[in-house]
Amino acid sequence: MLGVLFLLAAANPLTAPAAGPAATCLIVGRQLDYKVASADALLVRAGGRWHRSRLPDGCPGLKPNMILVRREAGPRACANDLFEARDNFTPEVFSLCRFGPFEPLDKASRF
C-alpha cells in the first residue's frame, strides 16, 4: 500500500489522469495553493484536492517560485479568469495569463 501511495505522490502532474470531469470554477477558501507544472499548466489546490489547469494560451515566463495574483477577487476562481505572474523580489509583472478548466486529480496525489 505504501508503494502505491509513493507512486501517486511521484506522479507527473502533466500526465496524471483526471479523476473526473473538469470544473469551470473552483470555490476559493481563504487562499488557493498554486504550483507551476510548466509554462502551459498550473496545479491548483482547493477543497483538499489538487486540480490541473491547462492554460489556454500558455503563460510565457511562468516558472516555479513566482507569485500568482488573481485579477478577480471574488469567491470563485474560474476558467478564463486572469492572473498575473510576478517576480518574488521586484514588482515586475512577467505575464498576464488565463486559467483553463480545472481537472480534478486523484485525492492521494501530492505534488
Protein backbone atom coordinates (compact mmCIF):
# COMPACT_ATOMS: atom_id res chain seq x y z
CA MET A 1 0.00 0.00 0.00
CA LEU A 2 2.85 2.38 0.83
CA GLY A 3 4.35 1.72 -2.62
CA VAL A 4 1.06 2.72 -4.29
CA LEU A 5 0.90 5.96 -2.30
CA PHE A 6 4.50 6.74 -3.24
CA LEU A 7 3.71 6.21 -6.92
CA LEU A 8 0.75 8.58 -6.69
CA ALA A 9 2.86 11.14 -4.86
CA ALA A 10 5.57 10.99 -7.52
CA ALA A 11 3.16 11.07 -10.47
CA ASN A 12 3.85 13.54 -13.24
CA PRO A 13 1.13 16.21 -12.91
CA LEU A 14 1.07 16.75 -16.68
CA THR A 15 0.30 13.11 -17.49
CA ALA A 16 -1.68 12.06 -14.40
CA PRO A 17 -5.21 11.05 -15.42
CA ALA A 18 -8.07 13.31 -14.39
CA ALA A 19 -10.25 11.86 -11.63
CA GLY A 20 -13.46 13.26 -13.09
CA PRO A 21 -14.86 15.90 -15.40
CA ALA A 22 -13.22 19.32 -15.47
CA ALA A 23 -14.85 22.09 -13.46
CA THR A 24 -15.35 25.57 -14.84
CA CYS A 25 -14.93 27.19 -11.41
CA LEU A 26 -13.42 26.37 -8.02
CA ILE A 27 -14.67 27.82 -4.75
CA VAL A 28 -11.86 29.75 -3.12
CA GLY A 29 -11.47 29.36 0.61
CA ARG A 30 -9.08 31.70 2.36
CA GLN A 31 -6.49 31.05 -0.30
CA LEU A 32 -5.63 28.80 -3.20
CA ASP A 33 -2.38 26.90 -3.28
CA TYR A 34 -0.64 27.10 -6.67
CA LYS A 35 2.25 25.13 -8.14
CA VAL A 36 3.68 25.63 -11.61
CA ALA A 37 3.78 22.36 -13.59
CA SER A 38 5.02 24.01 -16.81
CA ALA A 39 4.53 27.20 -18.83
CA ASP A 40 1.29 25.58 -20.10
CA ALA A 41 -0.16 24.06 -16.92
CA LEU A 42 -0.77 25.07 -13.35
CA LEU A 43 -1.67 22.94 -10.34
CA VAL A 44 -4.28 24.48 -8.05
CA ARG A 45 -5.27 23.07 -4.67
CA ALA A 46 -8.78 23.83 -3.50
CA GLY A 47 -11.18 21.87 -1.36
CA GLY A 48 -8.47 19.45 -0.22
CA ARG A 49 -7.74 18.26 -3.77
CA TRP A 50 -5.29 19.17 -6.49
CA HIS A 51 -6.62 20.31 -9.87
CA ARG A 52 -4.72 20.76 -13.13
CA SER A 53 -5.46 23.84 -15.19
CA ARG A 54 -4.10 23.72 -18.71
CA LEU A 55 -3.62 27.38 -19.60
CA PRO A 56 -5.42 28.10 -22.90
CA ASP A 57 -2.74 30.39 -24.33
CA GLY A 58 0.15 29.14 -22.24
CA CYS A 59 1.88 31.59 -19.95
CA PRO A 60 5.28 32.71 -21.24
CA GLY A 61 7.68 33.48 -18.45
CA LEU A 62 5.79 31.38 -15.88
CA LYS A 63 8.21 29.40 -13.73
CA PRO A 64 8.33 27.92 -10.22
CA ASN A 65 8.61 30.29 -7.26
CA MET A 66 6.69 33.11 -8.94
CA ILE A 67 3.86 34.89 -7.19
CA LEU A 68 0.48 34.46 -8.87
CA VAL A 69 -2.04 37.23 -8.35
CA ARG A 70 -5.64 36.70 -9.43
CA ARG A 71 -7.27 39.71 -11.07
CA GLU A 72 -10.73 38.68 -9.83
CA ALA A 73 -11.17 38.98 -6.06
CA GLY A 74 -14.43 37.04 -5.93
CA PRO A 75 -15.13 33.85 -4.00
CA ARG A 76 -14.52 31.66 -7.08
CA ALA A 77 -11.61 31.08 -9.44
CA CYS A 78 -12.97 30.32 -12.91
CA ALA A 79 -11.65 29.30 -16.31
CA ASN A 80 -10.70 32.38 -18.35
CA ASP A 81 -10.11 34.47 -15.20
CA LEU A 82 -6.89 36.43 -15.49
CA PHE A 83 -3.88 36.13 -13.22
CA GLU A 84 -0.51 37.86 -13.15
CA ALA A 85 2.80 36.03 -12.83
CA ARG A 86 5.07 38.25 -10.74
CA ASP A 87 8.65 38.07 -9.59
CA ASN A 88 9.26 37.42 -5.88
CA PHE A 89 11.71 40.28 -5.47
CA THR A 90 10.57 43.05 -7.80
CA PRO A 91 7.13 44.46 -8.64
CA GLU A 92 7.62 43.42 -12.27
CA VAL A 93 4.76 41.53 -13.93
CA PHE A 94 6.16 38.86 -16.28
CA SER A 95 2.93 37.60 -17.80
CA LEU A 96 -0.80 38.10 -17.78
CA CYS A 97 -2.43 34.69 -18.26
CA ARG A 98 -5.79 32.91 -18.17
CA PHE A 99 -6.84 29.85 -16.18
CA GLY A 100 -8.18 26.88 -18.12
CA PRO A 101 -10.81 24.43 -16.86
CA PHE A 102 -9.84 22.69 -13.61
CA GLU A 103 -9.33 18.92 -13.96
CA PRO A 104 -9.54 17.15 -10.58
CA LEU A 105 -6.62 14.84 -9.82
CA ASP A 106 -6.67 11.80 -7.54
CA LYS A 107 -7.11 12.80 -3.88
CA ALA A 108 -3.98 10.86 -2.93
CA SER A 109 -1.85 12.89 -5.38
CA ARG A 110 0.84 15.05 -3.82
CA PHE A 111 2.98 17.48 -5.77
